[in-house]
Amino acid sequence: MIPIKRAIVSVSSKEGLVELCQLLQSINVEIISTSNTHVFLKQNNIPSIPISDYTGFPEMIHGRVKTLHPKVFAGILARESKQEVEEIQKFDIGKIDLVCVNLYPFEKTSQMTDKPELWQDEIDIGGVSLLRASAKNYQECVTLPDPKYYKEFCEELQKNNGFITEDFSLKMMQNTFLLTGQYDLAIAKKFYSLSNKDITVNVYQKAYHLRYGENPHQSGGYWNPILETDSLVIGCHQIHGKELSYNNILDTALGLELLDEFQDPCSVIVKHNNPCGTSEADTLETAYQNAYACDPVSAYGGVFLFNREVSEKIAEHIHTIFAEIICAPSFSPEALLILEQKKNIRLLKRVQKNSPAIEIRSAGSGVLIQEKDKKLLDEIQIKTGEKLTDKMMEDIIFGLKIVKHVKSNAIVVVKNRITAGICGGQPNRINSTIMSLKQAGEKAKDSILVSDAYFPFPDSIIEASQAGVKIVVEPGGSIRDAEIIAEAKKHDIILVFTGLRHFLH
C-alpha cells in the first residue's frame, strides 16, 4: 500500500480538481501546485504550496520551466526500497507520493491554427516528465494523468484510509505511458504534416478472447481502441449464448453497417459476410418475413439483425430454425423466454453504434487504410426509358444501400423495399447477374436490378430483360456505355446511371 502524504498538482484542465483536492486536504496531504493551478485552488479555499516556494526558484521563461528541478524529481523517483529516501533527506528533499498532472491540449489547440510556432507552445515538457517519472516509480508514487481517474482514486483513498493499492498504481502507470506515448505521436504526426507526410498510430487492447480465428488452426481476438473504457464488442453486449467466434463478429459488423443505412423498421440477414436477405417495412415483423423469404436456404445458420425490439412473433419463427446470432437494440420479455430455450444461440443487445470512419486491412507486412464507403450516389441520370416515379426512386435507393455491402462483383435484385436476389464475390459480373436473377425467380418481373459497378458488356442487360427486370441501376463509366444503353433501349429497360462505384473486396 502506498501512503499519500505529499502531492504535486499541475493541470491544464480543472475538471474534478476541487473535489479531488478537498479530499486530499481533509486527510492532511501537502499539496504543491504550479502557478495557474495554485491560483485556482486558492480561489476555491484549498491551500497549496506554490512550486517556486517549494523549489526556491521562480518559474522561468514564461512558465515553460517550473517543475524541472532536482527537489521535485528526486522526491518523485526516490525509493524507500533502495534506501534512497535517506539520500534525498540530506538535501532537505521530501518524498512525493502523488503526481496529478494533465497535459497541455496539444491536439485540440494545434487544430485551431496552421502556425507551427503556436503548435510548439502547446508541447508540454514538464508535465510529460512528471508523469513519466512518477509512473516509473509506481510502486511508491501514484500517477493521475487524466480527470477521468479522479473518482476511482478518491474511492480507493477513502476505502483504504489514506493509502492506495499497488494494483491501482500499476493501472495508472500503464495508462500514463500510453497517454504520453500517444501525446508524443500526436506531436510527431502534426509536424510530419509540414513535410506532406502522413503517419497514423492505432493502439488496441484485447476486449474479447476468441477460441480461434477464421479457422480452428488460427488464433484470434477482438480488440478495442485502448482509450475506450468498456469491453463492448462492435458496440454490443452479449446477453445469452456461447462465446462469439471470429466469423460471428465479422458477419455481425457487416450486418450492423448495412442496418444503419435504414431508418424505418428493418431486418438484415447475413451469411458468410454477405447479406442474404434485407427488407424495410412499416413493421419489423413484416420486414423480417420479407428478408427471410429472400433466401431461406442461406439464412440457415446466419446472423439475424434488427433495428427495433425483437417481438414474440419474430422469436417464435427464429426458434424453429437454426440461427447463429440475433442482434437487436432490445428483446421483449416474451421473446427472451423463447430464444433462451436454446442454450447456444448468441443474443446481442446493441448498446451503441460502432461504425468507424476508416477501415484497416493487412496487406503483406503493411496495412491498407481507407475511408469507409459512406456515400450512395453522385447523380441520378436516366439514360433510357420513362421518368422515375417516387416509388421507383425509393426502391433504387433501397437497392443502392444494399449493394454497397455485398462483395464485388455485386448484383442485387429488389422490389417493394425487399431483396429478391443477391449475388456477390464472383470473378465476373455476368455470373453474379445470372445467379441473382435465378434466386429472384418470378419476383424478378418488374423489379430493379442494381450493380455495384458498370457493366463491361451488354450480356447482363440481356439476362435482365429475359427475367422481366424493369429498371437497371449502375454507375456507368464503361468504354462500352453506348452499347449498354442501346441494349437497354432495345429491351425497353429503364437504365439509370449513378456516377458512383461501390466495390467491396
Protein backbone atom coordinates (compact mmCIF):
# COMPACT_ATOMS: atom_id res chain seq x y z
CA MET A 1 0.00 0.00 0.00
CA ILE A 2 1.22 3.50 -0.85
CA PRO A 3 0.60 6.25 1.74
CA ILE A 4 -0.40 9.60 0.23
CA LYS A 5 1.21 12.42 2.22
CA ARG A 6 2.57 14.86 -0.36
CA ALA A 7 1.22 15.62 -3.85
CA ILE A 8 2.22 17.71 -6.85
CA VAL A 9 -0.76 19.10 -8.78
CA SER A 10 -0.24 20.77 -12.16
CA VAL A 11 -3.19 20.63 -14.53
CA SER A 12 -4.45 22.35 -17.66
CA SER A 13 -8.00 21.01 -17.16
CA LYS A 14 -9.59 21.90 -13.84
CA GLU A 15 -12.36 19.30 -14.24
CA GLY A 16 -12.96 17.46 -10.96
CA LEU A 17 -9.97 19.15 -9.32
CA VAL A 18 -11.84 20.82 -6.44
CA GLU A 19 -13.38 17.57 -5.22
CA LEU A 20 -10.04 15.75 -5.51
CA CYS A 21 -8.04 18.38 -3.63
CA GLN A 22 -10.70 18.84 -0.97
CA LEU A 23 -10.35 15.16 -0.16
CA LEU A 24 -6.54 15.44 -0.10
CA GLN A 25 -6.84 18.46 2.20
CA SER A 26 -9.22 16.58 4.53
CA ILE A 27 -6.58 13.91 5.21
CA ASN A 28 -3.76 16.45 5.59
CA VAL A 29 -1.97 15.79 2.32
CA GLU A 30 0.53 18.54 1.50
CA ILE A 31 -0.30 19.95 -1.96
CA ILE A 32 2.38 21.54 -4.12
CA SER A 33 1.00 23.34 -7.17
CA THR A 34 2.16 25.29 -10.22
CA SER A 35 1.13 28.92 -10.65
CA ASN A 36 -2.20 28.69 -12.51
CA THR A 37 -3.28 25.64 -10.52
CA HIS A 38 -2.31 27.41 -7.27
CA VAL A 39 -4.48 30.42 -8.17
CA PHE A 40 -7.42 28.12 -8.96
CA LEU A 41 -7.08 26.21 -5.70
CA LYS A 42 -6.76 29.45 -3.72
CA GLN A 43 -9.97 30.74 -5.31
CA ASN A 44 -11.66 27.57 -4.03
CA ASN A 45 -10.22 27.94 -0.50
CA ILE A 46 -7.84 25.00 -0.87
CA PRO A 47 -4.34 25.72 0.49
CA SER A 48 -1.33 24.70 -1.57
CA ILE A 49 2.40 25.50 -1.74
CA PRO A 50 3.47 27.31 -4.93
CA ILE A 51 6.10 25.28 -6.78
CA SER A 52 8.51 28.25 -6.77
CA ASP A 53 8.33 28.41 -2.97
CA TYR A 54 8.96 24.67 -2.76
CA THR A 55 11.98 24.63 -5.07
CA GLY A 56 13.35 28.05 -4.15
CA PHE A 57 13.47 29.00 -7.83
CA PRO A 58 10.96 31.19 -9.72
CA GLU A 59 9.05 29.85 -12.69
CA MET A 60 11.10 30.89 -15.70
CA ILE A 61 10.92 31.64 -19.43
CA HIS A 62 7.21 32.40 -19.50
CA GLY A 63 6.40 29.45 -17.25
CA ARG A 64 7.95 26.84 -19.52
CA VAL A 65 10.31 25.83 -16.71
CA LYS A 66 8.66 25.41 -13.34
CA THR A 67 8.80 21.78 -12.20
CA LEU A 68 12.10 20.70 -13.82
CA HIS A 69 14.09 20.71 -10.60
CA PRO A 70 16.01 18.07 -8.56
CA LYS A 71 13.88 18.77 -5.49
CA VAL A 72 10.81 17.72 -7.50
CA PHE A 73 12.20 14.77 -9.43
CA ALA A 74 14.32 13.34 -6.62
CA GLY A 75 11.20 13.44 -4.45
CA ILE A 76 9.23 11.52 -7.08
CA LEU A 77 11.89 8.99 -8.04
CA ALA A 78 13.42 8.19 -4.66
CA ARG A 79 12.63 4.65 -3.48
CA GLU A 80 12.47 3.56 0.10
CA SER A 81 13.05 0.01 -1.08
CA LYS A 82 16.51 1.10 -2.30
CA GLN A 83 17.33 3.27 0.74
CA GLU A 84 17.24 6.35 -1.50
CA VAL A 85 14.96 8.39 0.76
CA GLU A 86 17.79 8.79 3.29
CA GLU A 87 19.92 10.23 0.49
CA ILE A 88 17.41 12.89 -0.58
CA GLN A 89 16.73 13.88 3.02
CA LYS A 90 20.35 15.05 3.29
CA PHE A 91 19.40 17.73 0.77
CA ASP A 92 16.17 18.64 2.55
CA ILE A 93 14.09 16.91 -0.13
CA GLY A 94 10.83 15.24 0.88
CA LYS A 95 9.26 12.19 -0.76
CA ILE A 96 6.39 12.86 -3.19
CA ASP A 97 3.64 10.22 -3.23
CA LEU A 98 1.17 11.56 -5.79
CA VAL A 99 1.58 13.33 -9.13
CA CYS A 100 -1.64 14.75 -10.57
CA VAL A 101 -0.88 16.19 -14.00
CA ASN A 102 -2.77 16.60 -17.24
CA LEU A 103 -1.01 17.88 -20.30
CA TYR A 104 -1.41 20.91 -22.50
CA PRO A 105 -4.17 20.11 -25.01
CA PHE A 106 -1.79 19.92 -27.98
CA GLU A 107 -4.12 18.15 -30.44
CA LYS A 108 -7.11 20.38 -29.76
CA THR A 109 -5.16 23.64 -29.84
CA SER A 110 -2.98 22.75 -32.84
CA GLN A 111 -6.11 22.06 -34.89
CA MET A 112 -7.14 25.69 -34.41
CA THR A 113 -4.10 27.20 -36.13
CA ASP A 114 -1.76 26.44 -39.03
CA LYS A 115 1.23 28.22 -37.43
CA PRO A 116 3.93 25.77 -36.26
CA GLU A 117 5.32 28.29 -33.77
CA LEU A 118 1.96 28.20 -31.97
CA TRP A 119 1.95 24.41 -32.07
CA GLN A 120 5.30 24.47 -30.28
CA ASP A 121 3.85 26.49 -27.42
CA GLU A 122 1.43 23.62 -26.75
CA ILE A 123 4.13 20.95 -26.43
CA ASP A 124 4.21 20.01 -22.76
CA ILE A 125 7.70 19.23 -21.40
CA GLY A 126 7.47 19.42 -17.61
CA GLY A 127 4.12 17.67 -17.49
CA VAL A 128 5.29 14.71 -19.55
CA SER A 129 8.46 14.47 -17.46
CA LEU A 130 6.47 14.46 -14.21
CA LEU A 131 4.11 11.78 -15.48
CA ARG A 132 6.89 9.54 -16.75
CA ALA A 133 8.91 9.90 -13.53
CA SER A 134 6.01 9.05 -11.24
CA ALA A 135 4.84 6.22 -13.47
CA LYS A 136 8.35 4.76 -13.45
CA ASN A 137 8.24 4.64 -9.64
CA TYR A 138 4.67 3.31 -9.50
CA GLN A 139 5.39 1.04 -6.51
CA GLU A 140 5.87 4.14 -4.34
CA CYS A 141 4.31 7.05 -6.25
CA VAL A 142 0.82 7.23 -7.72
CA THR A 143 0.13 8.98 -11.03
CA LEU A 144 -3.15 10.63 -12.01
CA PRO A 145 -2.80 11.54 -15.73
CA ASP A 146 -6.43 12.39 -16.51
CA PRO A 147 -9.51 13.71 -14.63
CA LYS A 148 -11.44 10.58 -15.61
CA TYR A 149 -9.43 8.65 -12.99
CA TYR A 150 -10.11 11.04 -10.08
CA LYS A 151 -13.31 9.37 -8.91
CA GLU A 152 -11.77 5.90 -8.74
CA PHE A 153 -8.68 7.31 -6.98
CA CYS A 154 -10.83 9.06 -4.35
CA GLU A 155 -12.81 5.89 -3.72
CA GLU A 156 -9.56 3.94 -3.26
CA LEU A 157 -8.12 6.60 -0.94
CA GLN A 158 -11.22 6.67 1.27
CA LYS A 159 -11.63 2.91 1.35
CA ASN A 160 -8.00 2.39 2.36
CA ASN A 161 -7.79 5.26 4.89
CA GLY A 162 -5.29 7.42 3.01
CA PHE A 163 -3.46 4.62 1.19
CA ILE A 164 -3.54 3.48 -2.46
CA THR A 165 -3.06 -0.12 -3.56
CA GLU A 166 -0.13 -1.01 -5.78
CA ASP A 167 -2.60 -2.62 -8.22
CA PHE A 168 -4.31 0.74 -8.76
CA SER A 169 -0.96 2.48 -9.12
CA LEU A 170 0.13 -0.10 -11.70
CA LYS A 171 -3.05 0.54 -13.66
CA MET A 172 -2.30 4.29 -13.62
CA MET A 173 1.28 3.58 -14.70
CA GLN A 174 0.04 1.61 -17.71
CA ASN A 175 -2.42 4.31 -18.73
CA THR A 176 0.15 7.05 -18.19
CA PHE A 177 2.73 5.61 -20.57
CA LEU A 178 0.04 5.02 -23.17
CA LEU A 179 -1.12 8.61 -22.79
CA THR A 180 2.38 10.13 -23.01
CA GLY A 181 3.20 7.86 -25.94
CA GLN A 182 0.11 8.96 -27.82
CA TYR A 183 0.82 12.57 -26.91
CA ASP A 184 4.29 12.37 -28.47
CA LEU A 185 2.89 10.63 -31.54
CA ALA A 186 0.26 13.36 -31.96
CA ILE A 187 3.06 15.94 -31.97
CA ALA A 188 5.10 13.93 -34.46
CA LYS A 189 2.06 13.49 -36.70
CA LYS A 190 1.36 17.23 -36.72
CA PHE A 191 4.93 18.20 -37.56
CA TYR A 192 5.24 15.44 -40.17
CA SER A 193 2.42 17.23 -41.97
CA LEU A 194 4.82 20.12 -42.65
CA SER A 195 6.68 17.72 -44.95
CA ASN A 196 3.44 16.49 -46.54
CA LYS A 197 3.84 13.12 -44.85
CA ASP A 198 1.02 11.20 -43.20
CA ILE A 199 1.51 8.89 -40.25
CA THR A 200 -1.14 7.12 -38.22
CA VAL A 201 -0.87 5.20 -34.98
CA ASN A 202 -3.60 2.97 -33.56
CA VAL A 203 -3.29 1.29 -30.17
CA TYR A 204 -5.68 -1.52 -29.26
CA GLN A 205 -6.23 -3.78 -26.27
CA LYS A 206 -7.91 -7.17 -26.29
CA ALA A 207 -11.56 -6.87 -25.27
CA TYR A 208 -12.70 -10.37 -26.16
CA HIS A 209 -10.73 -13.59 -26.39
CA LEU A 210 -11.62 -15.94 -29.23
CA ARG A 211 -11.08 -19.68 -29.06
CA TYR A 212 -9.67 -19.39 -32.58
CA GLY A 213 -9.76 -17.18 -35.65
CA GLU A 214 -11.39 -17.70 -39.01
CA ASN A 215 -10.43 -21.41 -38.81
CA PRO A 216 -9.59 -23.60 -35.79
CA HIS A 217 -5.85 -23.58 -36.53
CA GLN A 218 -5.70 -19.75 -36.37
CA SER A 219 -5.57 -17.73 -33.15
CA GLY A 220 -7.70 -14.60 -32.82
CA GLY A 221 -9.26 -11.95 -30.59
CA TYR A 222 -11.38 -8.79 -30.72
CA TRP A 223 -9.50 -5.62 -29.83
CA ASN A 224 -10.91 -2.21 -28.89
CA PRO A 225 -9.10 1.14 -29.14
CA ILE A 226 -7.07 1.45 -25.94
CA LEU A 227 -8.79 4.61 -24.73
CA GLU A 228 -12.27 3.06 -24.72
CA THR A 229 -13.33 2.26 -21.18
CA ASP A 230 -15.81 -0.53 -21.88
CA SER A 231 -15.45 -4.02 -23.28
CA LEU A 232 -18.25 -3.89 -25.83
CA VAL A 233 -17.82 -6.00 -28.95
CA ILE A 234 -18.85 -3.97 -32.03
CA GLY A 235 -21.00 -1.85 -29.72
CA CYS A 236 -22.93 -4.82 -28.30
CA HIS A 237 -23.36 -6.67 -25.00
CA GLN A 238 -23.81 -10.42 -25.26
CA ILE A 239 -26.76 -11.37 -23.07
CA HIS A 240 -27.08 -15.08 -23.88
CA GLY A 241 -25.41 -18.00 -25.62
CA LYS A 242 -21.96 -19.45 -26.19
CA GLU A 243 -18.94 -17.32 -26.93
CA LEU A 244 -18.66 -15.41 -30.16
CA SER A 245 -16.40 -16.59 -32.95
CA TYR A 246 -14.19 -14.60 -35.32
CA ASN A 247 -16.66 -15.13 -38.18
CA ASN A 248 -19.62 -14.22 -35.94
CA ILE A 249 -18.08 -10.83 -35.24
CA LEU A 250 -17.24 -10.19 -38.90
CA ASP A 251 -20.75 -11.06 -40.05
CA THR A 252 -22.43 -9.03 -37.30
CA ALA A 253 -20.24 -5.99 -38.01
CA LEU A 254 -21.17 -6.05 -41.70
CA GLY A 255 -24.85 -6.54 -40.86
CA LEU A 256 -24.87 -3.59 -38.47
CA GLU A 257 -23.29 -1.29 -41.04
CA LEU A 258 -26.00 -2.29 -43.54
CA LEU A 259 -28.71 -1.95 -40.89
CA ASP A 260 -27.58 1.60 -40.16
CA GLU A 261 -28.44 2.62 -43.72
CA PHE A 262 -32.15 2.43 -42.82
CA GLN A 263 -34.46 4.43 -40.57
CA ASP A 264 -37.73 2.50 -40.94
CA PRO A 265 -38.18 -0.95 -39.34
CA CYS A 266 -35.56 -3.15 -41.00
CA SER A 267 -34.33 -6.72 -40.86
CA VAL A 268 -30.98 -7.90 -42.24
CA ILE A 269 -29.78 -11.49 -42.50
CA VAL A 270 -26.06 -12.12 -43.13
CA LYS A 271 -24.27 -15.32 -44.10
CA HIS A 272 -20.54 -15.65 -44.76
CA ASN A 273 -20.04 -11.89 -44.73
CA ASN A 274 -22.69 -11.16 -47.35
CA PRO A 275 -26.28 -10.08 -46.81
CA CYS A 276 -28.63 -12.81 -47.99
CA GLY A 277 -31.88 -11.00 -47.20
CA THR A 278 -32.88 -7.45 -46.33
CA SER A 279 -36.21 -5.67 -46.10
CA GLU A 280 -37.56 -2.38 -44.82
CA ALA A 281 -41.27 -2.18 -43.99
CA ASP A 282 -43.88 -0.47 -41.84
CA THR A 283 -43.49 -3.10 -39.12
CA LEU A 284 -40.50 -5.14 -38.02
CA GLU A 285 -42.44 -8.41 -38.32
CA THR A 286 -43.18 -7.71 -41.98
CA ALA A 287 -39.59 -6.66 -42.64
CA TYR A 288 -38.33 -9.89 -41.09
CA GLN A 289 -40.74 -12.11 -43.03
CA ASN A 290 -39.69 -10.46 -46.29
CA ALA A 291 -35.96 -10.65 -45.52
CA TYR A 292 -36.16 -14.33 -44.60
CA ALA A 293 -38.23 -15.18 -47.69
CA CYS A 294 -35.49 -13.78 -49.93
CA ASP A 295 -33.21 -16.76 -49.31
CA PRO A 296 -34.30 -19.23 -46.58
CA VAL A 297 -31.56 -21.67 -47.58
CA SER A 298 -28.73 -19.19 -46.98
CA ALA A 299 -30.42 -17.86 -43.84
CA TYR A 300 -29.77 -21.24 -42.18
CA GLY A 301 -27.02 -20.65 -39.61
CA GLY A 302 -26.98 -16.94 -40.37
CA VAL A 303 -26.82 -13.74 -38.36
CA PHE A 304 -30.21 -12.04 -37.88
CA LEU A 305 -30.17 -8.30 -37.21
CA PHE A 306 -32.95 -5.85 -36.35
CA ASN A 307 -33.17 -2.10 -35.72
CA ARG A 308 -36.21 -2.41 -33.44
CA GLU A 309 -37.12 -4.61 -30.47
CA VAL A 310 -37.45 -8.31 -31.30
CA SER A 311 -41.03 -9.37 -30.61
CA GLU A 312 -42.51 -12.66 -29.50
CA LYS A 313 -43.77 -13.32 -33.03
CA ILE A 314 -40.30 -12.93 -34.56
CA ALA A 315 -38.75 -15.05 -31.81
CA GLU A 316 -41.27 -17.84 -32.39
CA HIS A 317 -40.20 -18.13 -36.04
CA ILE A 318 -36.43 -17.91 -35.40
CA HIS A 319 -36.82 -20.59 -32.73
CA THR A 320 -37.94 -23.04 -35.42
CA ILE A 321 -34.77 -22.58 -37.49
CA PHE A 322 -31.03 -22.53 -36.85
CA ALA A 323 -29.61 -19.06 -36.21
CA GLU A 324 -26.08 -18.29 -35.01
CA ILE A 325 -26.78 -14.78 -33.72
CA ILE A 326 -29.69 -12.44 -33.14
CA CYS A 327 -28.72 -8.81 -32.70
CA ALA A 328 -31.16 -6.04 -31.77
CA PRO A 329 -31.42 -2.96 -29.55
CA SER A 330 -33.76 -4.91 -27.26
CA PHE A 331 -35.81 -8.08 -26.87
CA SER A 332 -39.28 -8.31 -25.39
CA PRO A 333 -39.52 -10.47 -22.23
CA GLU A 334 -41.65 -12.97 -24.17
CA ALA A 335 -39.05 -13.13 -26.97
CA LEU A 336 -36.26 -13.80 -24.48
CA LEU A 337 -38.19 -16.64 -22.86
CA ILE A 338 -38.47 -18.31 -26.26
CA LEU A 339 -34.97 -17.64 -27.58
CA GLU A 340 -33.12 -18.55 -24.39
CA GLN A 341 -34.51 -22.09 -24.61
CA LYS A 342 -31.60 -22.74 -26.99
CA LYS A 343 -28.50 -22.51 -24.83
CA ASN A 344 -26.05 -21.86 -27.67
CA ILE A 345 -27.82 -19.16 -29.67
CA ARG A 346 -25.98 -15.88 -29.22
CA LEU A 347 -28.16 -12.90 -28.32
CA LEU A 348 -26.53 -9.49 -28.71
CA LYS A 349 -28.05 -6.31 -27.33
CA ARG A 350 -26.80 -3.35 -29.31
CA VAL A 351 -25.78 -0.58 -26.93
CA GLN A 352 -24.20 1.94 -29.28
CA LYS A 353 -23.28 2.44 -32.92
CA ASN A 354 -19.75 1.30 -33.60
CA SER A 355 -19.05 2.19 -37.21
CA PRO A 356 -15.51 3.57 -37.62
CA ALA A 357 -14.62 6.36 -40.03
CA ILE A 358 -11.80 4.29 -41.54
CA GLU A 359 -11.10 0.66 -42.23
CA ILE A 360 -7.73 -1.06 -41.83
CA ARG A 361 -6.66 -4.27 -43.56
CA SER A 362 -3.37 -6.11 -43.55
CA ALA A 363 -1.53 -6.42 -46.86
CA GLY A 364 1.84 -8.15 -46.73
CA SER A 365 3.77 -6.71 -43.81
CA GLY A 366 1.90 -3.40 -44.10
CA VAL A 367 -1.68 -2.23 -43.87
CA LEU A 368 -4.17 -0.57 -46.19
CA ILE A 369 -6.19 2.27 -44.69
CA GLN A 370 -9.14 3.94 -46.36
CA GLU A 371 -12.24 5.96 -45.56
CA LYS A 372 -15.42 3.96 -45.11
CA ASP A 373 -17.81 4.00 -48.06
CA LYS A 374 -20.39 6.45 -46.73
CA LYS A 375 -21.70 7.93 -49.99
CA LEU A 376 -24.57 6.44 -52.01
CA LEU A 377 -24.58 8.16 -55.42
CA ASP A 378 -23.40 11.24 -57.27
CA GLU A 379 -26.34 11.96 -59.57
CA ILE A 380 -29.31 10.07 -60.98
CA GLN A 381 -29.03 10.04 -64.77
CA ILE A 382 -31.82 8.38 -66.76
CA LYS A 383 -30.17 7.01 -69.89
CA THR A 384 -33.19 5.21 -71.37
CA GLY A 385 -36.90 4.96 -70.67
CA GLU A 386 -39.52 6.86 -68.76
CA LYS A 387 -39.34 9.30 -65.89
CA LEU A 388 -38.85 7.68 -62.49
CA THR A 389 -41.74 7.68 -60.03
CA ASP A 390 -41.29 8.23 -56.29
CA LYS A 391 -41.87 4.51 -55.77
CA MET A 392 -39.15 3.63 -58.27
CA MET A 393 -36.72 6.03 -56.63
CA GLU A 394 -37.49 4.55 -53.22
CA ASP A 395 -36.53 1.08 -54.45
CA ILE A 396 -33.44 2.38 -56.28
CA ILE A 397 -32.16 3.97 -53.08
CA PHE A 398 -33.01 0.79 -51.17
CA GLY A 399 -31.03 -1.30 -53.65
CA LEU A 400 -28.02 1.03 -53.60
CA LYS A 401 -27.87 0.88 -49.81
CA ILE A 402 -27.60 -2.90 -50.00
CA VAL A 403 -25.30 -3.37 -53.00
CA LYS A 404 -22.50 -1.38 -51.35
CA HIS A 405 -22.37 -4.01 -48.57
CA VAL A 406 -22.21 -7.02 -50.95
CA LYS A 407 -18.85 -8.39 -52.11
CA SER A 408 -17.95 -7.44 -55.68
CA ASN A 409 -18.99 -8.23 -58.33
CA ALA A 410 -22.28 -7.38 -56.64
CA ILE A 411 -25.77 -7.63 -58.13
CA VAL A 412 -28.92 -7.04 -56.08
CA VAL A 413 -32.49 -7.50 -57.33
CA VAL A 414 -35.07 -5.56 -55.30
CA LYS A 415 -38.77 -4.87 -55.35
CA ASN A 416 -41.01 -3.04 -52.83
CA ARG A 417 -38.08 -2.50 -50.44
CA ILE A 418 -37.38 -6.24 -50.35
CA THR A 419 -34.39 -8.10 -51.70
CA ALA A 420 -35.41 -10.74 -54.23
CA GLY A 421 -31.95 -11.88 -55.28
CA ILE A 422 -28.40 -11.15 -54.09
CA CYS A 423 -25.11 -12.37 -55.50
CA GLY A 424 -21.56 -11.16 -54.98
CA GLY A 425 -18.00 -12.37 -54.75
CA GLN A 426 -17.96 -13.74 -58.30
CA PRO A 427 -14.93 -13.10 -60.55
CA ASN A 428 -17.20 -11.82 -63.32
CA ARG A 429 -20.36 -9.74 -63.38
CA ILE A 430 -22.43 -11.91 -65.73
CA ASN A 431 -22.31 -14.85 -63.29
CA SER A 432 -23.47 -12.59 -60.46
CA THR A 433 -26.32 -11.35 -62.67
CA ILE A 434 -27.41 -14.85 -63.65
CA MET A 435 -27.28 -16.16 -60.08
CA SER A 436 -29.13 -13.22 -58.51
CA LEU A 437 -31.88 -13.43 -61.16
CA LYS A 438 -32.16 -17.18 -60.68
CA GLN A 439 -32.62 -16.66 -56.96
CA ALA A 440 -35.26 -13.98 -57.58
CA GLY A 441 -37.22 -16.23 -59.94
CA GLU A 442 -40.71 -14.87 -60.63
CA LYS A 443 -40.01 -11.94 -58.29
CA ALA A 444 -37.64 -10.55 -60.92
CA LYS A 445 -40.59 -9.42 -63.04
CA ASP A 446 -40.91 -5.61 -62.87
CA SER A 447 -38.03 -5.50 -60.38
CA ILE A 448 -34.97 -3.28 -60.12
CA LEU A 449 -31.51 -4.73 -60.69
CA VAL A 450 -28.68 -2.78 -59.02
CA SER A 451 -24.99 -3.27 -59.82
CA ASP A 452 -22.08 -2.04 -57.70
CA ALA A 453 -20.01 -1.22 -60.82
CA TYR A 454 -20.51 -0.70 -64.54
CA PHE A 455 -21.37 -3.48 -66.98
CA PRO A 456 -18.40 -4.16 -69.27
CA PHE A 457 -20.64 -5.93 -71.83
CA PRO A 458 -24.36 -5.93 -72.73
CA ASP A 459 -24.81 -9.58 -71.64
CA SER A 460 -26.16 -8.70 -68.18
CA ILE A 461 -28.77 -6.39 -69.75
CA ILE A 462 -29.93 -9.26 -71.96
CA GLU A 463 -30.25 -11.56 -68.91
CA ALA A 464 -32.15 -8.89 -67.02
CA SER A 465 -34.61 -8.35 -69.88
CA GLN A 466 -35.29 -12.08 -70.17
CA ALA A 467 -36.12 -12.19 -66.44
CA GLY A 468 -38.57 -9.26 -66.76
CA VAL A 469 -36.47 -6.64 -64.94
CA LYS A 470 -37.90 -3.14 -65.37
CA ILE A 471 -35.02 -0.94 -64.20
CA VAL A 472 -31.24 -1.46 -64.21
CA VAL A 473 -29.10 0.76 -61.99
CA GLU A 474 -25.31 1.04 -62.38
CA PRO A 475 -22.65 3.75 -62.00
CA GLY A 476 -21.72 3.97 -65.69
CA GLY A 477 -18.20 4.69 -66.87
CA SER A 478 -17.53 1.75 -69.20
CA ILE A 479 -15.93 2.27 -72.59
CA ARG A 480 -18.96 0.31 -73.85
CA ASP A 481 -21.57 2.51 -72.17
CA ALA A 482 -23.08 3.29 -75.58
CA GLU A 483 -23.61 -0.44 -76.24
CA ILE A 484 -25.14 -0.92 -72.79
CA ILE A 485 -27.52 1.99 -73.33
CA ALA A 486 -28.50 0.72 -76.78
CA GLU A 487 -29.20 -2.78 -75.41
CA ALA A 488 -31.34 -1.41 -72.57
CA LYS A 489 -33.30 0.73 -75.03
CA LYS A 490 -33.81 -2.28 -77.29
CA HIS A 491 -35.44 -4.22 -74.43
CA ASP A 492 -37.46 -1.28 -73.00
CA ILE A 493 -35.44 -1.30 -69.79
CA ILE A 494 -35.06 1.91 -67.84
CA LEU A 495 -31.31 2.37 -67.47
CA VAL A 496 -30.09 4.60 -64.64
CA PHE A 497 -26.51 5.75 -64.05
CA THR A 498 -25.47 6.94 -60.57
CA GLY A 499 -21.87 8.03 -61.24
CA LEU A 500 -20.54 6.23 -58.13
CA ARG A 501 -18.95 2.79 -57.88
CA HIS A 502 -19.19 0.60 -54.75
CA PHE A 503 -16.50 -2.10 -54.96
CA LEU A 504 -16.17 -4.17 -51.78
CA HIS A 505 -13.28 -6.63 -51.59
